N, C-alpha and C. Protein backbone atom coordinates (compact mmCIF):
# COMPACT_ATOMS: atom_id res chain seq x y z
N UNK A 1 66.62 99.99 144.99
CA UNK A 1 65.61 100.32 144.69
C UNK A 1 65.86 101.61 145.37
N UNK A 2 66.12 102.61 146.13
CA UNK A 2 65.99 104.12 146.42
C UNK A 2 65.97 104.51 145.40
N UNK A 3 67.46 104.35 144.82
CA UNK A 3 68.19 105.23 143.61
C UNK A 3 67.61 105.09 142.79
N UNK A 4 67.03 103.94 142.27
CA UNK A 4 66.35 103.91 141.25
C UNK A 4 64.67 104.84 140.67
N UNK A 5 64.62 104.93 142.49
CA UNK A 5 62.99 105.71 142.34
C UNK A 5 63.33 107.36 142.17
N UNK A 6 64.48 107.03 142.53
CA UNK A 6 64.84 108.93 142.55
C UNK A 6 64.84 109.15 141.52
N UNK A 7 65.95 108.34 140.92
CA UNK A 7 66.46 109.32 139.66
C UNK A 7 64.98 109.21 138.46
N UNK A 8 64.04 108.59 138.59
CA UNK A 8 63.04 107.88 138.10
C UNK A 8 62.41 109.20 138.69
N UNK A 9 61.66 110.08 139.31
CA UNK A 9 61.00 110.80 139.39
C UNK A 9 61.38 111.71 139.81
N UNK A 10 62.89 112.09 139.76
CA UNK A 10 63.52 113.74 138.67
C UNK A 10 64.15 113.57 138.13
N UNK A 11 63.78 112.94 136.44
CA UNK A 11 63.46 113.24 135.55
C UNK A 11 62.71 112.18 134.72
N UNK A 12 62.05 113.57 134.01
CA UNK A 12 61.09 113.16 132.81
C UNK A 12 61.68 111.94 132.06
N UNK A 13 62.89 111.78 131.21
CA UNK A 13 63.84 111.16 130.18
C UNK A 13 64.57 110.08 130.69
N UNK A 14 65.22 110.24 132.18
CA UNK A 14 64.82 108.70 132.38
C UNK A 14 63.32 107.49 132.81
N UNK A 15 62.50 107.94 132.70
CA UNK A 15 61.55 107.75 133.35
C UNK A 15 61.00 107.26 132.53
N UNK A 16 61.10 108.07 130.62
CA UNK A 16 60.93 107.78 129.46
C UNK A 16 61.55 105.75 129.33
N UNK A 17 62.28 105.99 129.36
CA UNK A 17 63.56 104.94 128.77
C UNK A 17 63.46 104.10 130.09
N UNK A 18 63.19 104.35 131.51
CA UNK A 18 62.44 103.05 131.97
C UNK A 18 62.11 102.11 131.80
N UNK A 19 60.78 102.89 131.33
CA UNK A 19 59.64 102.54 130.48
C UNK A 19 59.27 101.79 129.39
N UNK A 20 60.75 101.87 128.74
CA UNK A 20 60.63 101.16 127.19
C UNK A 20 62.59 100.88 127.02
N UNK A 21 62.50 100.57 128.18
CA UNK A 21 63.87 99.53 128.56
C UNK A 21 63.78 98.51 127.91
N UNK A 22 64.80 97.24 127.69
CA UNK A 22 64.72 96.49 127.63
C UNK A 22 65.13 95.61 126.32
N UNK A 23 65.12 94.99 125.99
CA UNK A 23 65.13 94.11 125.03
C UNK A 23 64.20 94.15 124.12
N UNK A 24 62.67 94.20 124.47
CA UNK A 24 61.52 93.61 123.91
C UNK A 24 60.40 94.63 123.29
N UNK A 25 60.07 95.46 124.78
CA UNK A 25 59.32 96.40 124.68
C UNK A 25 59.14 97.28 123.34
N UNK A 26 60.93 98.39 122.63
CA UNK A 26 60.19 99.40 122.12
C UNK A 26 59.56 97.94 120.54
N UNK A 27 60.75 96.99 120.71
CA UNK A 27 60.04 96.21 119.46
C UNK A 27 58.51 95.61 118.82
N UNK A 28 58.16 95.29 120.58
CA UNK A 28 57.02 94.97 120.33
C UNK A 28 55.79 95.96 120.27
N UNK A 29 56.02 97.08 120.78
CA UNK A 29 55.40 98.00 120.36
C UNK A 29 55.76 98.63 119.11
N UNK A 30 56.54 98.90 118.50
CA UNK A 30 57.03 98.72 117.00
C UNK A 30 56.22 98.10 115.56
N UNK A 31 55.89 96.50 116.51
CA UNK A 31 54.66 95.83 115.63
C UNK A 31 53.65 96.33 115.89
N UNK A 32 53.48 97.29 116.21
CA UNK A 32 51.70 97.42 116.99
C UNK A 32 51.76 98.38 115.98
N UNK A 33 52.60 98.71 115.69
CA UNK A 33 52.74 100.15 114.83
C UNK A 33 51.25 100.21 113.74
N UNK A 34 51.84 98.88 113.09
CA UNK A 34 50.41 98.53 111.91
C UNK A 34 49.09 98.36 111.90
N UNK A 35 48.92 98.12 113.68
CA UNK A 35 47.53 98.34 113.91
C UNK A 35 47.21 96.55 115.10
N UNK A 36 46.30 96.26 115.52
CA UNK A 36 45.37 95.60 116.15
C UNK A 36 46.71 94.30 115.43
N UNK A 37 47.47 93.41 116.51
CA UNK A 37 47.91 92.02 116.70
C UNK A 37 47.47 90.90 117.44
N UNK A 38 47.38 89.64 117.37
CA UNK A 38 46.80 88.44 117.84
C UNK A 38 48.52 87.94 118.67
N UNK A 39 48.46 87.88 119.58
CA UNK A 39 49.75 86.72 120.47
C UNK A 39 50.83 86.29 119.64
N UNK A 40 49.40 85.72 118.50
CA UNK A 40 50.59 84.24 117.44
C UNK A 40 50.88 85.58 116.75
N UNK A 41 50.07 86.27 116.47
CA UNK A 41 50.78 87.25 115.09
C UNK A 41 51.95 87.82 115.84
N UNK A 42 52.28 88.53 117.20
CA UNK A 42 53.02 89.41 117.55
C UNK A 42 54.62 87.84 117.52
N UNK A 43 54.50 87.16 118.54
CA UNK A 43 55.15 85.97 118.43
C UNK A 43 56.06 85.85 117.07
N UNK A 44 54.99 85.66 116.09
CA UNK A 44 55.63 85.34 114.99
C UNK A 44 56.67 86.21 114.27
N UNK A 45 56.22 87.63 114.48
CA UNK A 45 57.15 88.84 114.12
C UNK A 45 58.47 89.49 114.37
N UNK A 46 58.51 88.62 115.56
CA UNK A 46 59.76 89.09 116.46
C UNK A 46 60.40 87.60 116.91
N UNK A 47 61.29 87.70 115.92
CA UNK A 47 62.61 86.39 116.42
C UNK A 47 63.48 86.51 117.63
N UNK A 48 63.44 85.50 118.28
CA UNK A 48 63.76 85.49 119.57
C UNK A 48 63.44 85.30 120.85
N UNK A 49 61.73 85.85 120.40
CA UNK A 49 61.28 85.69 121.73
C UNK A 49 60.66 84.19 122.50
N UNK A 50 60.48 84.42 123.81
CA UNK A 50 59.17 83.38 123.84
C UNK A 50 58.31 83.34 124.12
N UNK A 51 57.41 82.55 124.29
CA UNK A 51 55.78 82.78 124.96
C UNK A 51 56.37 83.33 125.59
N UNK A 52 56.90 82.83 126.75
CA UNK A 52 56.80 83.39 128.35
C UNK A 52 57.61 85.37 128.59
N UNK A 53 58.43 85.35 127.62
CA UNK A 53 58.77 86.48 127.78
C UNK A 53 58.04 87.89 127.06
N UNK A 54 57.14 87.47 126.05
CA UNK A 54 56.72 88.00 125.23
C UNK A 54 55.12 88.56 126.26
N UNK A 55 54.13 87.20 126.48
CA UNK A 55 53.30 87.21 127.17
C UNK A 55 54.03 88.18 129.10
N UNK A 56 54.86 88.37 129.87
CA UNK A 56 55.71 88.88 130.83
C UNK A 56 55.10 90.44 129.98
N UNK A 57 56.01 90.98 128.96
CA UNK A 57 56.48 92.42 128.68
C UNK A 57 54.63 92.90 128.03
N UNK A 58 53.95 92.62 127.86
CA UNK A 58 52.57 92.27 126.93
C UNK A 58 51.67 92.86 128.33
N UNK A 59 52.49 93.00 129.54
CA UNK A 59 52.07 92.31 130.20
C UNK A 59 52.10 93.76 131.50
N UNK A 60 53.43 93.58 131.05
CA UNK A 60 54.02 95.18 131.51
C UNK A 60 53.67 96.61 130.88
N UNK A 61 53.73 96.37 129.15
CA UNK A 61 52.88 97.49 128.25
C UNK A 61 52.31 98.44 128.62
N UNK A 62 51.50 96.86 129.09
CA UNK A 62 49.16 97.28 129.47
C UNK A 62 49.49 97.44 130.72
N UNK A 63 50.56 97.39 131.61
CA UNK A 63 49.99 98.13 132.47
C UNK A 63 50.82 99.28 133.13
N UNK A 64 51.55 99.81 131.69
CA UNK A 64 52.41 100.90 131.65
C UNK A 64 51.34 101.42 131.25
N UNK A 65 50.52 101.49 130.61
CA UNK A 65 49.34 102.17 129.50
C UNK A 65 49.55 102.34 128.24
N UNK A 66 50.76 101.31 127.97
CA UNK A 66 51.31 101.36 126.24
C UNK A 66 50.48 100.60 125.10
N UNK A 67 49.81 100.01 126.01
CA UNK A 67 48.32 99.00 124.62
C UNK A 67 47.19 98.68 125.22
N UNK A 68 46.78 98.27 124.44
CA UNK A 68 45.30 97.85 125.14
C UNK A 68 45.13 96.45 124.91
N UNK A 69 43.85 96.00 125.70
CA UNK A 69 44.88 94.51 125.64
C UNK A 69 42.88 94.08 124.89
N UNK A 70 42.25 93.69 124.64
CA UNK A 70 41.11 93.44 124.34
C UNK A 70 40.76 91.54 123.99
N UNK A 71 39.64 91.19 124.90
CA UNK A 71 39.78 89.70 125.03
C UNK A 71 38.45 89.37 124.43
N UNK A 72 38.31 88.69 123.22
CA UNK A 72 36.88 88.22 122.47
C UNK A 72 36.43 87.01 123.21
N UNK A 73 35.10 86.53 123.75
CA UNK A 73 34.67 85.61 123.64
C UNK A 73 34.15 85.52 123.01
N UNK A 74 35.35 84.21 122.45
CA UNK A 74 34.65 83.50 121.49
C UNK A 74 35.32 82.16 121.74
N UNK A 75 35.15 81.11 121.20
CA UNK A 75 36.15 79.53 121.40
C UNK A 75 36.48 79.02 119.83
N UNK A 76 37.97 78.90 119.90
CA UNK A 76 38.96 79.05 120.77
C UNK A 76 38.79 80.80 121.24
N UNK A 77 39.60 81.41 122.60
CA UNK A 77 39.05 82.95 122.06
C UNK A 77 40.11 83.34 121.66
N UNK A 78 40.02 84.38 121.87
CA UNK A 78 40.73 85.44 120.72
C UNK A 78 41.00 86.18 121.55
N UNK A 79 42.73 87.22 121.79
CA UNK A 79 43.21 88.15 122.21
C UNK A 79 43.24 89.18 121.21
N UNK A 80 42.84 90.60 121.34
CA UNK A 80 43.57 91.00 120.24
C UNK A 80 44.65 91.79 121.27
N UNK A 81 45.71 92.80 120.65
CA UNK A 81 46.74 93.96 121.08
C UNK A 81 46.60 94.57 120.31
N UNK A 82 46.43 96.46 120.81
CA UNK A 82 46.75 96.96 119.54
C UNK A 82 47.69 98.59 120.87
N UNK A 83 48.27 99.36 120.21
CA UNK A 83 48.87 100.66 120.89
C UNK A 83 47.62 101.55 121.70
N UNK A 84 47.68 102.28 122.52
CA UNK A 84 46.89 102.68 123.37
C UNK A 84 47.38 104.29 122.77
N UNK A 85 46.88 105.59 122.35
CA UNK A 85 46.85 106.45 122.28
C UNK A 85 48.33 107.42 122.60
N UNK A 86 48.42 107.44 124.06
CA UNK A 86 49.44 107.77 124.18
C UNK A 86 50.91 106.95 123.77
N UNK A 87 50.74 105.95 123.47
CA UNK A 87 51.80 104.78 122.42
C UNK A 87 51.67 105.32 121.24
N UNK A 88 50.49 105.50 120.45
CA UNK A 88 51.12 106.39 119.28
C UNK A 88 52.16 107.30 118.97
N UNK A 89 52.13 108.14 120.25
CA UNK A 89 52.92 109.40 120.81
C UNK A 89 54.27 109.41 120.16
N UNK A 90 55.06 108.25 120.62
CA UNK A 90 56.24 107.25 120.39
C UNK A 90 56.68 107.57 119.10
N UNK A 91 55.59 106.83 117.70
CA UNK A 91 56.07 106.32 116.53
C UNK A 91 56.45 107.25 115.98
N UNK A 92 56.98 108.56 115.83
CA UNK A 92 58.35 109.81 115.32
C UNK A 92 59.13 109.33 116.23
N UNK A 93 58.95 109.22 117.15
CA UNK A 93 60.82 109.31 117.84
C UNK A 93 61.15 108.44 117.52
N UNK A 94 60.71 106.73 117.74
CA UNK A 94 60.97 105.62 117.37
C UNK A 94 62.27 105.61 116.09
N UNK A 95 60.51 105.77 115.12
CA UNK A 95 61.47 106.68 113.71
C UNK A 95 62.51 106.97 113.75
N UNK A 96 62.67 108.44 114.40
CA UNK A 96 64.04 108.95 114.56
C UNK A 96 65.40 107.48 114.91
N UNK A 97 64.23 107.38 115.82
CA UNK A 97 66.14 106.36 116.95
C UNK A 97 65.77 105.33 116.37
N UNK A 98 65.15 104.92 114.79
CA UNK A 98 65.92 103.38 113.85
C UNK A 98 66.40 104.53 112.84
N UNK A 99 66.07 105.45 112.60
CA UNK A 99 67.51 106.02 112.06
C UNK A 99 68.38 106.72 112.38
N UNK A 100 68.69 106.73 112.92
CA UNK A 100 70.09 107.62 113.94
C UNK A 100 70.50 105.83 114.66
N UNK A 101 70.33 104.58 114.47
CA UNK A 101 70.50 103.74 114.67
C UNK A 101 71.81 103.32 113.49
N UNK A 102 70.51 103.38 112.50
CA UNK A 102 71.17 103.01 110.80
C UNK A 102 72.35 103.98 111.03
N UNK A 103 71.60 105.31 111.17
CA UNK A 103 73.34 106.20 110.93
C UNK A 103 74.70 105.66 111.44
N UNK A 104 74.34 105.32 112.70
CA UNK A 104 75.73 104.82 113.71
C UNK A 104 76.16 103.88 112.93
N UNK A 105 75.02 102.90 113.06
CA UNK A 105 75.52 101.91 113.18
C UNK A 105 76.75 101.60 111.40
N UNK A 106 76.54 102.14 110.91
CA UNK A 106 77.12 102.68 109.59
C UNK A 106 78.96 103.45 110.25
N UNK A 107 78.06 104.03 110.81
CA UNK A 107 79.54 104.74 110.93
C UNK A 107 80.52 103.90 111.95
N UNK A 108 79.79 103.59 112.45
CA UNK A 108 80.65 102.72 113.00
C UNK A 108 81.80 100.57 112.75
N UNK A 109 80.70 100.29 111.12
CA UNK A 109 81.00 99.22 110.63
C UNK A 109 82.36 99.97 109.49
N UNK A 110 82.20 101.17 109.28
CA UNK A 110 83.34 102.00 108.61
C UNK A 110 85.00 102.38 109.49
N UNK A 111 85.09 102.10 110.96
CA UNK A 111 85.97 102.29 111.70
C UNK A 111 86.20 101.01 111.93
N UNK A 112 85.78 100.27 111.96
CA UNK A 112 85.95 98.65 111.88
C UNK A 112 87.21 97.56 110.64
C-alpha cells in the first residue's frame, strides 16, 4: 500500500492508469461516449460483465469523478449514467489507444 501510494503520487501517468485500470472501467466509459445510458443498457452492451461488477465499477467511476449518476423520482425508479466533462477529455485518448491496439494486434497475428 505504501509503495502504491508513493508511485501514484509521484507520477501523473501512473495515477491515470491506476484510475482507468482494470478490465471494465475503460469499456464502461467508452460505452457512455454516445450519451446517457441506463444500468440495463450498459449491462446489455458489455458482454461478460455481471451486475455486481458493473455496480462496483460504476460506483468507483462516480467516486473518481468520471461519470455522473442521475436518479429520477419515478416508479419504477430510473437511473442514468453519463460521462463528466473531465471524462469526455479522454475520448480522443482512448480512440488513439484503440487504433494502436488494432495495429498491434494485426502485427502480432502476422508473427504467429
